[in-house]
C-alpha atoms as a PDB file:
ATOM      1  CA  UNK A   1      13.761 -31.220 -25.934  1.00  0.00           C
ATOM      2  CA  UNK A   2      11.976 -27.504 -25.258  1.00  0.00           C
ATOM      3  CA  UNK A   3       9.118 -26.972 -27.161  1.00  0.00           C
ATOM      4  CA  UNK A   4      10.392 -23.898 -28.762  1.00  0.00           C
ATOM      5  CA  UNK A   5      13.058 -25.893 -30.330  1.00  0.00           C
ATOM      6  CA  UNK A   6      10.927 -28.144 -31.698  1.00  0.00           C
ATOM      7  CA  UNK A   7       9.103 -25.913 -33.323  1.00  0.00           C
ATOM      8  CA  UNK A   8      12.600 -24.136 -34.536  1.00  0.00           C
ATOM      9  CA  UNK A   9      13.242 -27.180 -36.199  1.00  0.00           C
ATOM     10  CA  UNK A  10      10.025 -28.077 -37.676  1.00  0.00           C
ATOM     11  CA  UNK A  11      10.133 -24.397 -39.236  1.00  0.00           C
ATOM     12  CA  UNK A  12      13.854 -25.760 -40.753  1.00  0.00           C
ATOM     13  CA  UNK A  13      12.131 -28.885 -41.827  1.00  0.00           C
ATOM     14  CA  UNK A  14       9.250 -26.907 -43.623  1.00  0.00           C
ATOM     15  CA  UNK A  15      12.219 -24.642 -44.944  1.00  0.00           C
ATOM     16  CA  UNK A  16      14.443 -26.890 -46.603  1.00  0.00           C
ATOM     17  CA  UNK A  17      11.429 -28.169 -48.492  1.00  0.00           C
ATOM     18  CA  UNK A  18      10.694 -24.363 -49.569  1.00  0.00           C
ATOM     19  CA  UNK A  19       7.732 -23.575 -47.518  1.00  0.00           C
ATOM     20  CA  UNK A  20       7.819 -19.685 -47.792  1.00  0.00           C
ATOM     21  CA  UNK A  21       5.388 -19.522 -44.799  1.00  0.00           C
ATOM     22  CA  UNK A  22       8.066 -21.400 -42.213  1.00  0.00           C
ATOM     23  CA  UNK A  23      10.566 -18.567 -43.715  1.00  0.00           C
ATOM     24  CA  UNK A  24       8.233 -15.588 -42.725  1.00  0.00           C
ATOM     25  CA  UNK A  25       7.913 -17.990 -38.874  1.00  0.00           C
ATOM     26  CA  UNK A  26      11.570 -18.274 -38.490  1.00  0.00           C
ATOM     27  CA  UNK A  27      12.416 -14.959 -39.226  1.00  0.00           C
ATOM     28  CA  UNK A  28       9.592 -13.899 -36.996  1.00  0.00           C
ATOM     29  CA  UNK A  29      11.180 -15.733 -33.969  1.00  0.00           C
ATOM     30  CA  UNK A  30      14.476 -15.198 -34.456  1.00  0.00           C
ATOM     31  CA  UNK A  31      15.522 -12.866 -35.855  1.00  0.00           C
ATOM     32  CA  UNK A  32      15.423 -10.482 -32.857  1.00  0.00           C
ATOM     33  CA  UNK A  33      18.102 -12.537 -31.393  1.00  0.00           C
ATOM     34  CA  UNK A  34      20.408 -12.464 -34.740  1.00  0.00           C
ATOM     35  CA  UNK A  35      19.726  -8.711 -35.018  1.00  0.00           C
ATOM     36  CA  UNK A  36      20.904  -8.569 -31.198  1.00  0.00           C
ATOM     37  CA  UNK A  37      23.776 -10.761 -31.377  1.00  0.00           C
ATOM     38  CA  UNK A  38      25.313  -8.942 -34.103  1.00  0.00           C
ATOM     39  CA  UNK A  39      25.103  -5.419 -32.369  1.00  0.00           C
ATOM     40  CA  UNK A  40      26.727  -6.396 -29.350  1.00  0.00           C
ATOM     41  CA  UNK A  41      29.514  -7.909 -32.135  1.00  0.00           C
ATOM     42  CA  UNK A  42      30.132  -4.929 -33.624  1.00  0.00           C
ATOM     43  CA  UNK A  43      28.661  -1.813 -32.184  1.00  0.00           C
ATOM     44  CA  UNK A  44      26.941  -0.220 -35.419  1.00  0.00           C
ATOM     45  CA  UNK A  45      22.787  -0.947 -35.977  1.00  0.00           C
ATOM     46  CA  UNK A  46      22.898  -0.847 -39.640  1.00  0.00           C
ATOM     47  CA  UNK A  47      25.485  -3.605 -39.797  1.00  0.00           C
ATOM     48  CA  UNK A  48      23.908  -5.618 -37.315  1.00  0.00           C
ATOM     49  CA  UNK A  49      21.103  -5.216 -39.867  1.00  0.00           C
ATOM     50  CA  UNK A  50      23.151  -6.085 -43.071  1.00  0.00           C
ATOM     51  CA  UNK A  51      24.101  -9.218 -40.899  1.00  0.00           C
ATOM     52  CA  UNK A  52      20.372 -10.562 -39.938  1.00  0.00           C
ATOM     53  CA  UNK A  53      19.803 -10.356 -43.416  1.00  0.00           C
ATOM     54  CA  UNK A  54      22.968 -12.289 -44.846  1.00  0.00           C
ATOM     55  CA  UNK A  55      21.976 -14.699 -41.917  1.00  0.00           C
ATOM     56  CA  UNK A  56      18.622 -15.574 -43.559  1.00  0.00           C
ATOM     57  CA  UNK A  57      19.502 -15.017 -47.030  1.00  0.00           C
ATOM     58  CA  UNK A  58      21.890 -18.019 -46.239  1.00  0.00           C
ATOM     59  CA  UNK A  59      18.967 -20.005 -44.289  1.00  0.00           C
ATOM     60  CA  UNK A  60      16.763 -19.534 -46.998  1.00  0.00           C
ATOM     61  CA  UNK A  61      19.705 -22.044 -49.832  1.00  0.00           C
ATOM     62  CA  UNK A  62      21.044 -23.461 -46.829  1.00  0.00           C
ATOM     63  CA  UNK A  63      18.655 -24.649 -44.472  1.00  0.00           C
ATOM     64  CA  UNK A  64      19.074 -28.123 -45.706  1.00  0.00           C
ATOM     65  CA  UNK A  65      22.616 -28.255 -43.730  1.00  0.00           C
ATOM     66  CA  UNK A  66      21.047 -28.263 -40.557  1.00  0.00           C
ATOM     67  CA  UNK A  67      20.525 -32.003 -39.817  1.00  0.00           C
ATOM     68  CA  UNK A  68      17.160 -32.226 -38.474  1.00  0.00           C
ATOM     69  CA  UNK A  69      17.598 -35.686 -37.313  1.00  0.00           C
ATOM     70  CA  UNK A  70      20.974 -35.591 -35.632  1.00  0.00           C
ATOM     71  CA  UNK A  71      20.901 -36.341 -31.949  1.00  0.00           C
ATOM     72  CA  UNK A  72      22.998 -33.908 -30.109  1.00  0.00           C
ATOM     73  CA  UNK A  73      22.823 -31.315 -32.647  1.00  0.00           C
ATOM     74  CA  UNK A  74      23.096 -27.491 -31.646  1.00  0.00           C
ATOM     75  CA  UNK A  75      19.729 -25.859 -30.991  1.00  0.00           C
ATOM     76  CA  UNK A  76      18.267 -23.943 -34.153  1.00  0.00           C
ATOM     77  CA  UNK A  77      18.916 -20.537 -32.334  1.00  0.00           C
ATOM     78  CA  UNK A  78      23.224 -21.483 -31.564  1.00  0.00           C
ATOM     79  CA  UNK A  79      22.898 -22.692 -35.262  1.00  0.00           C
ATOM     80  CA  UNK A  80      21.838 -19.030 -36.935  1.00  0.00           C
ATOM     81  CA  UNK A  81      24.324 -17.519 -34.730  1.00  0.00           C
ATOM     82  CA  UNK A  82      27.047 -19.518 -35.918  1.00  0.00           C
ATOM     83  CA  UNK A  83      25.887 -18.393 -39.149  1.00  0.00           C
ATOM     84  CA  UNK A  84      26.209 -14.648 -37.902  1.00  0.00           C
ATOM     85  CA  UNK A  85      29.021 -15.312 -36.657  1.00  0.00           C
ATOM     86  CA  UNK A  86      30.758 -16.437 -40.094  1.00  0.00           C
ATOM     87  CA  UNK A  87      29.201 -13.174 -41.558  1.00  0.00           C
ATOM     88  CA  UNK A  88      29.953 -10.640 -38.581  1.00  0.00           C
ATOM     89  CA  UNK A  89      34.010 -11.583 -39.122  1.00  0.00           C
ATOM     90  CA  UNK A  90      33.739 -11.588 -42.353  1.00  0.00           C
ATOM     91  CA  UNK A  91      32.510  -7.882 -42.228  1.00  0.00           C
ATOM     92  CA  UNK A  92      34.943  -6.533 -39.613  1.00  0.00           C
ATOM     93  CA  UNK A  93      37.788  -7.926 -41.944  1.00  0.00           C
ATOM     94  CA  UNK A  94      36.637  -5.891 -44.723  1.00  0.00           C
ATOM     95  CA  UNK A  95      35.118  -2.427 -42.599  1.00  0.00           C
ATOM     96  CA  UNK A  96      37.790   0.016 -40.381  1.00  0.00           C
ATOM     97  CA  UNK A  97      34.404   1.351 -38.480  1.00  0.00           C
ATOM     98  CA  UNK A  98      34.270  -1.570 -36.718  1.00  0.00           C
ATOM     99  CA  UNK A  99      35.246  -2.205 -33.177  1.00  0.00           C
ATOM    100  CA  UNK A 100      38.948  -3.928 -32.971  1.00  0.00           C
ATOM    101  CA  UNK A 101      38.606  -7.275 -33.804  1.00  0.00           C
ATOM    102  CA  UNK A 102      41.514  -8.706 -32.061  1.00  0.00           C
ATOM    103  CA  UNK A 103      41.953 -11.922 -31.024  1.00  0.00           C
ATOM    104  CA  UNK A 104      44.417 -10.982 -28.261  1.00  0.00           C
ATOM    105  CA  UNK A 105      44.906 -11.410 -24.318  1.00  0.00           C
ATOM    106  CA  UNK A 106      44.604  -8.409 -22.331  1.00  0.00           C
ATOM    107  CA  UNK A 107      45.843  -9.349 -18.963  1.00  0.00           C
ATOM    108  CA  UNK A 108      46.574  -6.707 -17.839  1.00  0.00           C
ATOM    109  CA  UNK A 109      45.257  -5.953 -14.577  1.00  0.00           C
ATOM    110  CA  UNK A 110      43.511  -8.948 -15.064  1.00  0.00           C
ATOM    111  CA  UNK A 111      44.800 -11.392 -12.703  1.00  0.00           C
ATOM    112  CA  UNK A 112      43.402  -9.953  -9.575  1.00  0.00           C
ATOM    113  CA  UNK A 113      39.865 -10.262 -10.217  1.00  0.00           C
ATOM    114  CA  UNK A 114      39.607 -13.657 -11.510  1.00  0.00           C
ATOM    115  CA  UNK A 115      39.296 -15.053  -8.226  1.00  0.00           C
ATOM    116  CA  UNK A 116      36.970 -12.493  -6.785  1.00  0.00           C
ATOM    117  CA  UNK A 117      33.069 -11.395  -7.486  1.00  0.00           C
ATOM    118  CA  UNK A 118      33.466  -8.217  -9.332  1.00  0.00           C
ATOM    119  CA  UNK A 119      31.277  -5.334  -7.623  1.00  0.00           C
ATOM    120  CA  UNK A 120      32.703  -3.053 -10.748  1.00  0.00           C
ATOM    121  CA  UNK A 121      28.738  -1.207 -11.049  1.00  0.00           C
ATOM    122  CA  UNK A 122      28.716  -0.464  -7.197  1.00  0.00           C
ATOM    123  CA  UNK A 123      28.403   3.723  -8.283  1.00  0.00           C
ATOM    124  CA  UNK A 124      26.788   3.740 -11.781  1.00  0.00           C
ATOM    125  CA  UNK A 125      23.077   4.995 -12.085  1.00  0.00           C
ATOM    126  CA  UNK A 126      21.169   2.076 -13.743  1.00  0.00           C
ATOM    127  CA  UNK A 127      21.463   4.171 -17.399  1.00  0.00           C
ATOM    128  CA  UNK A 128      25.744   5.005 -17.045  1.00  0.00           C
ATOM    129  CA  UNK A 129      25.990   0.581 -16.493  1.00  0.00           C
ATOM    130  CA  UNK A 130      24.057   0.464 -19.424  1.00  0.00           C
ATOM    131  CA  UNK A 131      26.070   2.546 -21.753  1.00  0.00           C
ATOM    132  CA  UNK A 132      29.402   1.580 -20.278  1.00  0.00           C
ATOM    133  CA  UNK A 133      28.616  -1.820 -20.170  1.00  0.00           C
ATOM    134  CA  UNK A 134      28.113  -1.690 -24.005  1.00  0.00           C
ATOM    135  CA  UNK A 135      31.535  -0.191 -24.225  1.00  0.00           C
ATOM    136  CA  UNK A 136      33.294  -2.653 -22.969  1.00  0.00           C
ATOM    137  CA  UNK A 137      31.999  -5.675 -24.472  1.00  0.00           C
ATOM    138  CA  UNK A 138      32.945  -4.035 -27.041  1.00  0.00           C
ATOM    139  CA  UNK A 139      35.975  -3.544 -26.591  1.00  0.00           C
ATOM    140  CA  UNK A 140      37.021  -6.772 -25.435  1.00  0.00           C
ATOM    141  CA  UNK A 141      39.205  -9.625 -27.933  1.00  0.00           C
ATOM    142  CA  UNK A 142      36.483 -10.825 -29.893  1.00  0.00           C
ATOM    143  CA  UNK A 143      37.366 -14.546 -29.208  1.00  0.00           C
ATOM    144  CA  UNK A 144      35.834 -13.295 -25.650  1.00  0.00           C
ATOM    145  CA  UNK A 145      33.563 -11.176 -26.248  1.00  0.00           C
ATOM    146  CA  UNK A 146      32.118 -13.470 -28.927  1.00  0.00           C
ATOM    147  CA  UNK A 147      31.842 -15.857 -25.550  1.00  0.00           C
ATOM    148  CA  UNK A 148      30.642 -12.882 -23.062  1.00  0.00           C
ATOM    149  CA  UNK A 149      27.971 -12.695 -25.962  1.00  0.00           C
ATOM    150  CA  UNK A 150      26.268 -16.067 -26.258  1.00  0.00           C
ATOM    151  CA  UNK A 151      26.602 -16.987 -22.597  1.00  0.00           C
ATOM    152  CA  UNK A 152      25.559 -14.205 -20.565  1.00  0.00           C
ATOM    153  CA  UNK A 153      23.611 -11.828 -23.054  1.00  0.00           C
ATOM    154  CA  UNK A 154      21.969 -14.717 -25.415  1.00  0.00           C
ATOM    155  CA  UNK A 155      21.279 -17.182 -22.162  1.00  0.00           C
ATOM    156  CA  UNK A 156      22.941 -20.136 -24.464  1.00  0.00           C
ATOM    157  CA  UNK A 157      24.010 -23.039 -22.850  1.00  0.00           C
ATOM    158  CA  UNK A 158      27.866 -23.898 -23.188  1.00  0.00           C
ATOM    159  CA  UNK A 159      26.941 -27.016 -25.401  1.00  0.00           C
ATOM    160  CA  UNK A 160      24.991 -24.748 -28.148  1.00  0.00           C
ATOM    161  CA  UNK A 161      27.516 -21.411 -27.324  1.00  0.00           C
ATOM    162  CA  UNK A 162      30.354 -24.561 -28.645  1.00  0.00           C
ATOM    163  CA  UNK A 163      28.719 -24.804 -31.617  1.00  0.00           C
ATOM    164  CA  UNK A 164      27.805 -21.707 -32.570  1.00  0.00           C
ATOM    165  CA  UNK A 165      31.913 -20.747 -31.856  1.00  0.00           C
ATOM    166  CA  UNK A 166      32.964 -23.294 -33.405  1.00  0.00           C
ATOM    167  CA  UNK A 167      35.267 -24.922 -30.123  1.00  0.00           C
ATOM    168  CA  UNK A 168      35.110 -26.860 -27.347  1.00  0.00           C
ATOM    169  CA  UNK A 169      32.384 -26.393 -24.023  1.00  0.00           C
ATOM    170  CA  UNK A 170      36.006 -26.434 -22.364  1.00  0.00           C
ATOM    171  CA  UNK A 171      36.820 -22.928 -24.610  1.00  0.00           C
ATOM    172  CA  UNK A 172      34.188 -21.577 -23.991  1.00  0.00           C
ATOM    173  CA  UNK A 173      34.083 -21.854 -20.366  1.00  0.00           C
ATOM    174  CA  UNK A 174      38.024 -20.451 -20.232  1.00  0.00           C
ATOM    175  CA  UNK A 175      37.035 -17.130 -22.423  1.00  0.00           C
ATOM    176  CA  UNK A 176      34.129 -17.019 -20.714  1.00  0.00           C
ATOM    177  CA  UNK A 177      36.037 -16.088 -17.766  1.00  0.00           C
ATOM    178  CA  UNK A 178      38.190 -14.393 -18.943  1.00  0.00           C
ATOM    179  CA  UNK A 179      35.893 -12.248 -21.012  1.00  0.00           C
ATOM    180  CA  UNK A 180      34.138 -11.257 -17.360  1.00  0.00           C
ATOM    181  CA  UNK A 181      37.679 -10.714 -15.604  1.00  0.00           C
ATOM    182  CA  UNK A 182      38.373  -8.143 -18.599  1.00  0.00           C
ATOM    183  CA  UNK A 183      35.213  -6.760 -18.209  1.00  0.00           C
ATOM    184  CA  UNK A 184      35.580  -6.089 -14.486  1.00  0.00           C
ATOM    185  CA  UNK A 185      38.555  -4.219 -14.903  1.00  0.00           C
ATOM    186  CA  UNK A 186      37.565  -2.315 -17.524  1.00  0.00           C
ATOM    187  CA  UNK A 187      34.369  -1.263 -15.722  1.00  0.00           C
ATOM    188  CA  UNK A 188      36.284  -0.488 -12.617  1.00  0.00           C
ATOM    189  CA  UNK A 189      38.967   1.836 -14.835  1.00  0.00           C
ATOM    190  CA  UNK A 190      36.029   3.541 -16.404  1.00  0.00           C
ATOM    191  CA  UNK A 191      34.358   4.052 -12.594  1.00  0.00           C
ATOM    192  CA  UNK A 192      37.655   5.872 -11.960  1.00  0.00           C
ATOM    193  CA  UNK A 193      38.627   7.784 -15.007  1.00  0.00           C
ATOM    194  CA  UNK A 194      34.968   9.241 -14.527  1.00  0.00           C
ATOM    195  CA  UNK A 195      34.204  10.090 -10.716  1.00  0.00           C
ATOM    196  CA  UNK A 196      31.608  13.591 -12.162  1.00  0.00           C
ATOM    197  CA  UNK A 197      29.423  10.806 -14.326  1.00  0.00           C
ATOM    198  CA  UNK A 198      29.869   7.917 -11.279  1.00  0.00           C
ATOM    199  CA  UNK A 199      28.359   9.860  -8.359  1.00  0.00           C
ATOM    200  CA  UNK A 200      30.725  11.899  -7.002  1.00  0.00           C
ATOM    201  CA  UNK A 201      28.534  14.781  -6.907  1.00  0.00           C
ATOM    202  CA  UNK A 202      26.061  13.047  -4.670  1.00  0.00           C
ATOM    203  CA  UNK A 203      29.052  12.099  -2.933  1.00  0.00           C
ATOM    204  CA  UNK A 204      30.298  15.871  -2.352  1.00  0.00           C
ATOM    205  CA  UNK A 205      26.078  16.796  -1.602  1.00  0.00           C
ATOM    206  CA  UNK A 206      25.869  14.161   1.224  1.00  0.00           C
ATOM    207  CA  UNK A 207      29.196  13.775   2.454  1.00  0.00           C
ATOM    208  CA  UNK A 208      28.815  10.178   2.011  1.00  0.00           C
ATOM    209  CA  UNK A 209      30.117   7.973  -0.379  1.00  0.00           C
ATOM    210  CA  UNK A 210      28.028   5.980  -2.761  1.00  0.00           C
ATOM    211  CA  UNK A 211      29.474   2.939  -3.067  1.00  0.00           C
ATOM    212  CA  UNK A 212      28.685   2.550   0.760  1.00  0.00           C
ATOM    213  CA  UNK A 213      25.751   2.322  -0.148  1.00  0.00           C
ATOM    214  CA  UNK A 214      25.574   0.916  -3.533  1.00  0.00           C
ATOM    215  CA  UNK A 215      23.625  -2.492  -3.887  1.00  0.00           C
ATOM    216  CA  UNK A 216      26.079  -5.189  -5.377  1.00  0.00           C
ATOM    217  CA  UNK A 217      24.802  -6.056  -8.787  1.00  0.00           C
ATOM    218  CA  UNK A 218      26.760  -9.460 -10.205  1.00  0.00           C
ATOM    219  CA  UNK A 219      28.153  -9.084 -13.795  1.00  0.00           C
ATOM    220  CA  UNK A 220      25.530 -11.479 -15.190  1.00  0.00           C
ATOM    221  CA  UNK A 221      22.565  -9.514 -14.071  1.00  0.00           C
ATOM    222  CA  UNK A 222      23.838  -6.347 -15.531  1.00  0.00           C
ATOM    223  CA  UNK A 223      24.338  -8.406 -18.328  1.00  0.00           C
ATOM    224  CA  UNK A 224      21.114  -9.626 -18.412  1.00  0.00           C
ATOM    225  CA  UNK A 225      19.868  -5.705 -18.139  1.00  0.00           C
ATOM    226  CA  UNK A 226      21.598  -4.868 -21.609  1.00  0.00           C
ATOM    227  CA  UNK A 227      20.004  -8.107 -23.378  1.00  0.00           C
ATOM    228  CA  UNK A 228      16.702  -6.640 -22.564  1.00  0.00           C
ATOM    229  CA  UNK A 229      17.142  -2.959 -23.525  1.00  0.00           C
ATOM    230  CA  UNK A 230      18.781  -4.078 -26.773  1.00  0.00           C
END
């Protein structure tokens, strides 16, 4: 077990025993991650703040529910994200300002990219790609959005992701694969619909295609950029 996780587990045990200093330290260590998860899921800073507060209020009363001594348990971070997921879903049920929380499939145009490595962002500048990716992630059906956020943005292991999302590891893998494919389709569609924002002006000035000079950026590296800037 990594030293960071050992420290988290120790803090949870102390929080369960009523240690206020341990709670403050756990909040300091993990509130940013929980806020980031909620923000990517809801696209609303204010709701992300509310969810983060709700999560740590739940920790104050329910820390003892985290089984410190059980072998094979999820990490504390995964446990916290699982709580955040529940709060996000409950909030979505009553708040129409959130991005649609459909659990349905969006298969149109996906099958053609499942077997290839997507390079939908080749013609985007860095700032444009970040915003395009945020918008694309926010528009994914919730089950795929969750998988992309916890695996690619929060870089959880499949085991921890499964614990946070309340499903099997195989389900996480399947949803992540489909979510990445949907992202590639959405980003490629955005690039086709907004040529002026994606480099056509530069192409017209130079007479050369920007796509031919673009450096390939795999989807997971672009997702890392969003995580770092969140």
